Amino acid sequence: MNKIIVDEYEKNWSQINGCLEVKKEDAHIHLSGNNKITDILINSSNKLTITLEKNASLNLNANWFKEKKDLEIILNCESNTNVKSHCYIETDKHFQLNFKINLEGDQNKCEILFSVVTEKEGNCLIKTMGKIAKNTKENELSEEIKGLSLGNPSITFIPELIVDSMDVIANHNATIKCIDETELFYLKSKGIKKEDAILLIKQGFLNQLKTQGGGKNES
């Protein structure tokens, strides 16, 4: 796996492809050309800002598993940029993410998908803010957050859109579901143990989202 190290406060890159390892508590990277980030390795408390220069594109995937984190990620888009992002979070502890998208120019297209699974005593707070600047044209922003709660953990989604332009397509959607007791009963009636049945339900939830988001290796 190609690893890209972020060990400076500010860095300029073009056409990166690999896993981003962030070693600074506050880092800002500028990207030009076509970029693919296959995962983000980041400390428990970090702020990462990504600015896409004019005509740049970014395919971003991030997978965070059972870790205690408090993160802030800011994505700035200048003009004619294209973003596809799928972040998967699975936690049985505390996880908080502030995800901000700023569309600062014209003709940007952003598709953001979050998949969240909480287990045991885990709690997860996801705040998303999409901001579209005044007097910009032909921007598209789509945010979708889906969560599955296994047991009695806590999931909170706070989506927000600030749109200062009339020439825009912007929407967000957030849904949270718990284990379907009818589905669980059906699987148990087939001789499947409760723990294995819950695992099957979780895998079905994740496979559905991966198909919707194009999968981790989407180009």
C-alpha atoms as a PDB file:
ATOM      1  CA  MET A   1       0.000   0.000   0.000  1.00  0.00           C
ATOM      2  CA  ASN A   2       1.373   3.363  -1.043  1.00  0.00           C
ATOM      3  CA  LYS A   3       1.565   5.607   2.030  1.00  0.00           C
ATOM      4  CA  ILE A   4       1.573   9.406   1.812  1.00  0.00           C
ATOM      5  CA  ILE A   5       3.004  11.071   4.927  1.00  0.00           C
ATOM      6  CA  VAL A   6       1.677  14.433   6.109  1.00  0.00           C
ATOM      7  CA  ASP A   7       4.309  15.725   8.546  1.00  0.00           C
ATOM      8  CA  GLU A   8       4.191  19.439   7.698  1.00  0.00           C
ATOM      9  CA  TYR A   9       1.553  22.068   8.455  1.00  0.00           C
ATOM     10  CA  GLU A  10       1.024  22.865   4.753  1.00  0.00           C
ATOM     11  CA  LYS A  11       1.786  20.761   1.687  1.00  0.00           C
ATOM     12  CA  ASN A  12       1.113  20.904  -2.078  1.00  0.00           C
ATOM     13  CA  TRP A  13       0.569  17.698  -4.051  1.00  0.00           C
ATOM     14  CA  SER A  14      -0.603  16.627  -7.485  1.00  0.00           C
ATOM     15  CA  GLN A  15      -2.241  13.343  -8.478  1.00  0.00           C
ATOM     16  CA  ILE A  16      -1.623  11.402  -5.269  1.00  0.00           C
ATOM     17  CA  ASN A  17      -2.791   7.802  -4.933  1.00  0.00           C
ATOM     18  CA  GLY A  18      -2.569   5.948  -1.645  1.00  0.00           C
ATOM     19  CA  CYS A  19      -3.171   5.982   2.088  1.00  0.00           C
ATOM     20  CA  LEU A  20      -2.833   9.360   3.794  1.00  0.00           C
ATOM     21  CA  GLU A  21      -1.027   9.206   7.154  1.00  0.00           C
ATOM     22  CA  VAL A  22      -1.460  12.463   9.072  1.00  0.00           C
ATOM     23  CA  LYS A  23       1.226  13.096  11.707  1.00  0.00           C
ATOM     24  CA  LYS A  24       0.441  16.753  12.405  1.00  0.00           C
ATOM     25  CA  GLU A  25      -2.336  17.810  14.781  1.00  0.00           C
ATOM     26  CA  ASP A  26      -3.314  20.554  12.323  1.00  0.00           C
ATOM     27  CA  ALA A  27      -2.467  19.940   8.654  1.00  0.00           C
ATOM     28  CA  HIS A  28      -3.497  21.598   5.381  1.00  0.00           C
ATOM     29  CA  ILE A  29      -2.886  19.964   2.002  1.00  0.00           C
ATOM     30  CA  HIS A  30      -3.517  21.420  -1.467  1.00  0.00           C
ATOM     31  CA  LEU A  31      -4.349  18.976  -4.270  1.00  0.00           C
ATOM     32  CA  SER A  32      -4.318  19.447  -8.035  1.00  0.00           C
ATOM     33  CA  GLY A  33      -5.048  16.948 -10.812  1.00  0.00           C
ATOM     34  CA  ASN A  34      -6.796  13.621 -10.212  1.00  0.00           C
ATOM     35  CA  ASN A  35      -6.324  12.254  -6.680  1.00  0.00           C
ATOM     36  CA  LYS A  36      -7.275   9.081  -4.845  1.00  0.00           C
ATOM     37  CA  ILE A  37      -6.976   8.646  -1.072  1.00  0.00           C
ATOM     38  CA  THR A  38      -7.606   4.992  -0.222  1.00  0.00           C
ATOM     39  CA  ASP A  39      -7.678   5.537   3.554  1.00  0.00           C
ATOM     40  CA  ILE A  40      -6.763   8.103   6.208  1.00  0.00           C
ATOM     41  CA  LEU A  41      -4.582   7.182   9.185  1.00  0.00           C
ATOM     42  CA  ILE A  42      -5.028   9.921  11.721  1.00  0.00           C
ATOM     43  CA  ASN A  43      -4.407  10.446  15.447  1.00  0.00           C
ATOM     44  CA  SER A  44      -7.152  10.555  18.074  1.00  0.00           C
ATOM     45  CA  SER A  45      -7.461  14.347  17.896  1.00  0.00           C
ATOM     46  CA  ASN A  46      -6.639  16.016  14.606  1.00  0.00           C
ATOM     47  CA  LYS A  47      -7.728  18.707  12.176  1.00  0.00           C
ATOM     48  CA  LEU A  48      -7.166  18.079   8.479  1.00  0.00           C
ATOM     49  CA  THR A  49      -7.944  20.616   5.753  1.00  0.00           C
ATOM     50  CA  ILE A  50      -7.955  19.557   2.087  1.00  0.00           C
ATOM     51  CA  THR A  51      -8.174  22.225  -0.609  1.00  0.00           C
ATOM     52  CA  LEU A  52      -8.916  21.131  -4.157  1.00  0.00           C
ATOM     53  CA  GLU A  53      -7.447  23.508  -6.686  1.00  0.00           C
ATOM     54  CA  LYS A  54      -9.327  24.431  -9.878  1.00  0.00           C
ATOM     55  CA  ASN A  55     -10.215  21.405 -12.073  1.00  0.00           C
ATOM     56  CA  ALA A  56      -8.999  18.900  -9.456  1.00  0.00           C
ATOM     57  CA  SER A  57     -10.792  15.691  -8.484  1.00  0.00           C
ATOM     58  CA  LEU A  58     -10.696  13.548  -5.348  1.00  0.00           C
ATOM     59  CA  ASN A  59     -11.881  10.028  -4.595  1.00  0.00           C
ATOM     60  CA  LEU A  60     -11.690   9.753  -0.802  1.00  0.00           C
ATOM     61  CA  ASN A  61     -12.218   6.692   1.370  1.00  0.00           C
ATOM     62  CA  ALA A  62     -11.694   6.470   5.123  1.00  0.00           C
ATOM     63  CA  ASN A  63     -12.210   3.525   7.460  1.00  0.00           C
ATOM     64  CA  TRP A  64     -12.118   4.025  11.236  1.00  0.00           C
ATOM     65  CA  PHE A  65     -12.613   0.968  13.432  1.00  0.00           C
ATOM     66  CA  LYS A  66     -13.345   0.789  17.169  1.00  0.00           C
ATOM     67  CA  GLU A  67     -11.163   3.779  17.991  1.00  0.00           C
ATOM     68  CA  LYS A  68     -11.670   6.743  20.267  1.00  0.00           C
ATOM     69  CA  LYS A  69     -11.367   9.811  18.091  1.00  0.00           C
ATOM     70  CA  ASP A  70     -12.325  13.467  17.897  1.00  0.00           C
ATOM     71  CA  LEU A  71     -11.662  14.669  14.358  1.00  0.00           C
ATOM     72  CA  GLU A  72     -12.284  17.697  12.191  1.00  0.00           C
ATOM     73  CA  ILE A  73     -11.984  17.442   8.407  1.00  0.00           C
ATOM     74  CA  ILE A  74     -12.490  20.472   6.169  1.00  0.00           C
ATOM     75  CA  LEU A  75     -12.806  20.148   2.402  1.00  0.00           C
ATOM     76  CA  ASN A  76     -12.481  23.316   0.296  1.00  0.00           C
ATOM     77  CA  CYS A  77     -13.431  23.203  -3.395  1.00  0.00           C
ATOM     78  CA  GLU A  78     -12.424  26.011  -5.728  1.00  0.00           C
ATOM     79  CA  SER A  79     -13.951  25.629  -9.254  1.00  0.00           C
ATOM     80  CA  ASN A  80     -14.748  22.677 -11.530  1.00  0.00           C
ATOM     81  CA  THR A  81     -13.824  20.084  -8.897  1.00  0.00           C
ATOM     82  CA  ASN A  82     -15.262  16.618  -8.453  1.00  0.00           C
ATOM     83  CA  VAL A  83     -15.403  14.810  -5.099  1.00  0.00           C
ATOM     84  CA  LYS A  84     -16.612  11.315  -4.217  1.00  0.00           C
ATOM     85  CA  SER A  85     -16.164  10.341  -0.579  1.00  0.00           C
ATOM     86  CA  HIS A  86     -17.188   7.304   1.478  1.00  0.00           C
ATOM     87  CA  CYS A  87     -16.274   7.225   5.174  1.00  0.00           C
ATOM     88  CA  TYR A  88     -16.996   4.097   7.223  1.00  0.00           C
ATOM     89  CA  ILE A  89     -16.994   4.305  11.019  1.00  0.00           C
ATOM     90  CA  GLU A  90     -17.356   1.352  13.389  1.00  0.00           C
ATOM     91  CA  THR A  91     -16.958   2.059  17.078  1.00  0.00           C
ATOM     92  CA  ASP A  92     -17.666   0.634  20.516  1.00  0.00           C
ATOM     93  CA  LYS A  93     -16.148   3.671  22.239  1.00  0.00           C
ATOM     94  CA  HIS A  94     -16.385   7.412  21.570  1.00  0.00           C
ATOM     95  CA  PHE A  95     -16.165   8.880  18.092  1.00  0.00           C
ATOM     96  CA  GLN A  96     -16.848  12.451  17.055  1.00  0.00           C
ATOM     97  CA  LEU A  97     -16.355  13.840  13.570  1.00  0.00           C
ATOM     98  CA  ASN A  98     -16.887  17.379  12.295  1.00  0.00           C
ATOM     99  CA  PHE A  99     -16.928  17.281   8.496  1.00  0.00           C
ATOM    100  CA  LYS A 100     -17.148  20.594   6.641  1.00  0.00           C
ATOM    101  CA  ILE A 101     -17.430  21.166   2.891  1.00  0.00           C
ATOM    102  CA  ASN A 102     -16.947  24.613   1.401  1.00  0.00           C
ATOM    103  CA  LEU A 103     -17.874  25.129  -2.260  1.00  0.00           C
ATOM    104  CA  GLU A 104     -16.102  28.396  -2.997  1.00  0.00           C
ATOM    105  CA  GLY A 105     -16.296  28.546  -6.806  1.00  0.00           C
ATOM    106  CA  ASP A 106     -18.467  27.360  -9.695  1.00  0.00           C
ATOM    107  CA  GLN A 107     -19.334  23.945 -11.155  1.00  0.00           C
ATOM    108  CA  ASN A 108     -18.233  21.786  -8.234  1.00  0.00           C
ATOM    109  CA  LYS A 109     -19.767  18.364  -7.685  1.00  0.00           C
ATOM    110  CA  CYS A 110     -19.521  16.616  -4.295  1.00  0.00           C
ATOM    111  CA  GLU A 111     -21.000  13.272  -3.234  1.00  0.00           C
ATOM    112  CA  ILE A 112     -20.490  12.421   0.445  1.00  0.00           C
ATOM    113  CA  LEU A 113     -21.543   9.150   2.095  1.00  0.00           C
ATOM    114  CA  PHE A 114     -21.056   8.139   5.735  1.00  0.00           C
ATOM    115  CA  SER A 115     -21.704   4.612   7.056  1.00  0.00           C
ATOM    116  CA  VAL A 116     -21.798   4.288  10.854  1.00  0.00           C
ATOM    117  CA  VAL A 117     -22.050   1.180  13.061  1.00  0.00           C
ATOM    118  CA  THR A 118     -21.986   1.445  16.866  1.00  0.00           C
ATOM    119  CA  GLU A 119     -21.600  -1.507  19.230  1.00  0.00           C
ATOM    120  CA  LYS A 120     -21.660  -2.165  22.998  1.00  0.00           C
ATOM    121  CA  GLU A 121     -21.354   1.177  24.821  1.00  0.00           C
ATOM    122  CA  GLY A 122     -20.129   3.085  21.799  1.00  0.00           C
ATOM    123  CA  ASN A 123     -21.375   6.555  20.993  1.00  0.00           C
ATOM    124  CA  CYS A 124     -20.908   8.418  17.766  1.00  0.00           C
ATOM    125  CA  LEU A 125     -21.550  12.058  16.880  1.00  0.00           C
ATOM    126  CA  ILE A 126     -21.308  13.130  13.247  1.00  0.00           C
ATOM    127  CA  LYS A 127     -21.652  16.807  12.365  1.00  0.00           C
ATOM    128  CA  THR A 128     -21.651  17.750   8.709  1.00  0.00           C
ATOM    129  CA  MET A 129     -21.809  21.242   7.275  1.00  0.00           C
ATOM    130  CA  GLY A 130     -22.066  22.014   3.591  1.00  0.00           C
ATOM    131  CA  LYS A 131     -21.516  25.676   2.718  1.00  0.00           C
ATOM    132  CA  ILE A 132     -22.030  27.067  -0.773  1.00  0.00           C
ATOM    133  CA  ALA A 133     -20.626  30.552  -1.297  1.00  0.00           C
ATOM    134  CA  LYS A 134     -22.582  33.557  -2.509  1.00  0.00           C
ATOM    135  CA  ASN A 135     -22.792  34.265  -6.258  1.00  0.00           C
ATOM    136  CA  THR A 136     -21.465  30.828  -7.238  1.00  0.00           C
ATOM    137  CA  LYS A 137     -23.066  28.856 -10.086  1.00  0.00           C
ATOM    138  CA  GLU A 138     -23.871  25.262 -11.050  1.00  0.00           C
ATOM    139  CA  ASN A 139     -22.723  23.581  -7.844  1.00  0.00           C
ATOM    140  CA  GLU A 140     -23.989  20.171  -6.707  1.00  0.00           C
ATOM    141  CA  LEU A 141     -23.701  18.838  -3.163  1.00  0.00           C
ATOM    142  CA  SER A 142     -25.141  15.567  -1.892  1.00  0.00           C
ATOM    143  CA  GLU A 143     -24.647  14.245   1.660  1.00  0.00           C
ATOM    144  CA  GLU A 144     -25.993  10.973   3.000  1.00  0.00           C
ATOM    145  CA  ILE A 145     -25.409   9.502   6.463  1.00  0.00           C
ATOM    146  CA  LYS A 146     -26.669   6.055   7.459  1.00  0.00           C
ATOM    147  CA  GLY A 147     -26.258   4.452  10.865  1.00  0.00           C
ATOM    148  CA  LEU A 148     -26.856   1.025  12.399  1.00  0.00           C
ATOM    149  CA  SER A 149     -27.048   0.705  16.174  1.00  0.00           C
ATOM    150  CA  LEU A 150     -26.233  -2.736  17.595  1.00  0.00           C
ATOM    151  CA  GLY A 151     -27.679  -2.902  21.094  1.00  0.00           C
ATOM    152  CA  ASN A 152     -28.034   0.304  23.101  1.00  0.00           C
ATOM    153  CA  PRO A 153     -25.239   2.623  21.963  1.00  0.00           C
ATOM    154  CA  SER A 154     -25.794   6.210  20.871  1.00  0.00           C
ATOM    155  CA  ILE A 155     -25.718   7.652  17.354  1.00  0.00           C
ATOM    156  CA  THR A 156     -26.294  11.343  16.687  1.00  0.00           C
ATOM    157  CA  PHE A 157     -26.228  12.993  13.267  1.00  0.00           C
ATOM    158  CA  ILE A 158     -26.326  16.779  12.854  1.00  0.00           C
ATOM    159  CA  PRO A 159     -26.415  17.694   9.149  1.00  0.00           C
ATOM    160  CA  GLU A 160     -26.470  21.354   8.099  1.00  0.00           C
ATOM    161  CA  LEU A 161     -26.553  23.200   4.788  1.00  0.00           C
ATOM    162  CA  ILE A 162     -25.752  26.889   4.333  1.00  0.00           C
ATOM    163  CA  VAL A 163     -26.604  27.914   0.781  1.00  0.00           C
ATOM    164  CA  ASP A 164     -26.019  31.501  -0.368  1.00  0.00           C
ATOM    165  CA  SER A 165     -26.641  30.830  -4.070  1.00  0.00           C
ATOM    166  CA  MET A 166     -29.822  30.152  -6.056  1.00  0.00           C
ATOM    167  CA  ASP A 167     -28.045  28.246  -8.840  1.00  0.00           C
ATOM    168  CA  VAL A 168     -27.366  25.048  -6.912  1.00  0.00           C
ATOM    169  CA  ILE A 169     -28.511  21.466  -6.311  1.00  0.00           C
ATOM    170  CA  ALA A 170     -27.994  20.583  -2.644  1.00  0.00           C
ATOM    171  CA  ASN A 171     -29.503  17.925  -0.393  1.00  0.00           C
ATOM    172  CA  HIS A 172     -28.714  15.847   2.641  1.00  0.00           C
ATOM    173  CA  ASN A 173     -30.268  12.780   4.196  1.00  0.00           C
ATOM    174  CA  ALA A 174     -29.680  11.074   7.548  1.00  0.00           C
ATOM    175  CA  THR A 175     -31.193   7.784   8.746  1.00  0.00           C
ATOM    176  CA  ILE A 176     -30.550   5.621  11.817  1.00  0.00           C
ATOM    177  CA  LYS A 177     -31.816   2.084  12.311  1.00  0.00           C
ATOM    178  CA  CYS A 178     -31.579  -0.495  15.062  1.00  0.00           C
ATOM    179  CA  ILE A 179     -31.534  -4.272  14.814  1.00  0.00           C
ATOM    180  CA  ASP A 180     -34.828  -5.468  13.333  1.00  0.00           C
ATOM    181  CA  GLU A 181     -36.190  -7.885  15.948  1.00  0.00           C
ATOM    182  CA  THR A 182     -38.336  -9.650  13.338  1.00  0.00           C
ATOM    183  CA  GLU A 183     -35.295 -10.225  11.140  1.00  0.00           C
ATOM    184  CA  LEU A 184     -33.283 -11.362  14.163  1.00  0.00           C
ATOM    185  CA  PHE A 185     -36.054 -13.777  15.214  1.00  0.00           C
ATOM    186  CA  TYR A 186     -36.206 -15.222  11.692  1.00  0.00           C
ATOM    187  CA  LEU A 187     -32.469 -15.891  11.593  1.00  0.00           C
ATOM    188  CA  LYS A 188     -32.549 -17.480  15.063  1.00  0.00           C
ATOM    189  CA  SER A 189     -35.452 -19.679  13.976  1.00  0.00           C
ATOM    190  CA  LYS A 190     -33.116 -21.104  11.304  1.00  0.00           C
ATOM    191  CA  GLY A 191     -30.733 -22.266  13.999  1.00  0.00           C
ATOM    192  CA  ILE A 192     -28.332 -19.316  13.774  1.00  0.00           C
ATOM    193  CA  LYS A 193     -26.928 -18.113  17.089  1.00  0.00           C
ATOM    194  CA  LYS A 194     -27.843 -14.577  18.132  1.00  0.00           C
ATOM    195  CA  GLU A 195     -24.263 -13.296  17.833  1.00  0.00           C
ATOM    196  CA  ASP A 196     -23.914 -14.753  14.337  1.00  0.00           C
ATOM    197  CA  ALA A 197     -27.328 -13.393  13.330  1.00  0.00           C
ATOM    198  CA  ILE A 198     -26.347  -9.881  14.408  1.00  0.00           C
ATOM    199  CA  LEU A 199     -23.111 -10.203  12.429  1.00  0.00           C
ATOM    200  CA  LEU A 200     -25.094 -11.218   9.315  1.00  0.00           C
ATOM    201  CA  ILE A 201     -27.392  -8.198   9.710  1.00  0.00           C
ATOM    202  CA  LYS A 202     -24.388  -5.907  10.076  1.00  0.00           C
ATOM    203  CA  GLN A 203     -22.693  -7.363   7.017  1.00  0.00           C
ATOM    204  CA  GLY A 204     -25.869  -6.926   4.986  1.00  0.00           C
ATOM    205  CA  PHE A 205     -26.084  -3.275   6.057  1.00  0.00           C
ATOM    206  CA  LEU A 206     -22.461  -2.617   5.117  1.00  0.00           C
ATOM    207  CA  ASN A 207     -22.639  -4.468   1.785  1.00  0.00           C
ATOM    208  CA  GLN A 208     -25.658  -2.407   0.800  1.00  0.00           C
ATOM    209  CA  LEU A 209     -23.812   0.818   1.565  1.00  0.00           C
ATOM    210  CA  LYS A 210     -20.625  -0.284  -0.200  1.00  0.00           C
ATOM    211  CA  THR A 211     -22.657  -1.056  -3.300  1.00  0.00           C
ATOM    212  CA  GLN A 212     -24.351   2.336  -3.051  1.00  0.00           C
ATOM    213  CA  GLY A 213     -21.039   4.116  -2.531  1.00  0.00           C
ATOM    214  CA  GLY A 214     -19.245   2.230  -5.256  1.00  0.00           C
ATOM    215  CA  GLY A 215     -17.053   0.232  -2.874  1.00  0.00           C
ATOM    216  CA  LYS A 216     -13.722   1.065  -1.348  1.00  0.00           C
ATOM    217  CA  ASN A 217     -11.779   0.678  -4.590  1.00  0.00           C
ATOM    218  CA  GLU A 218     -13.954   2.835  -6.787  1.00  0.00           C
ATOM    219  CA  SER A 219     -11.968   4.979  -9.214  1.00  0.00           C
END
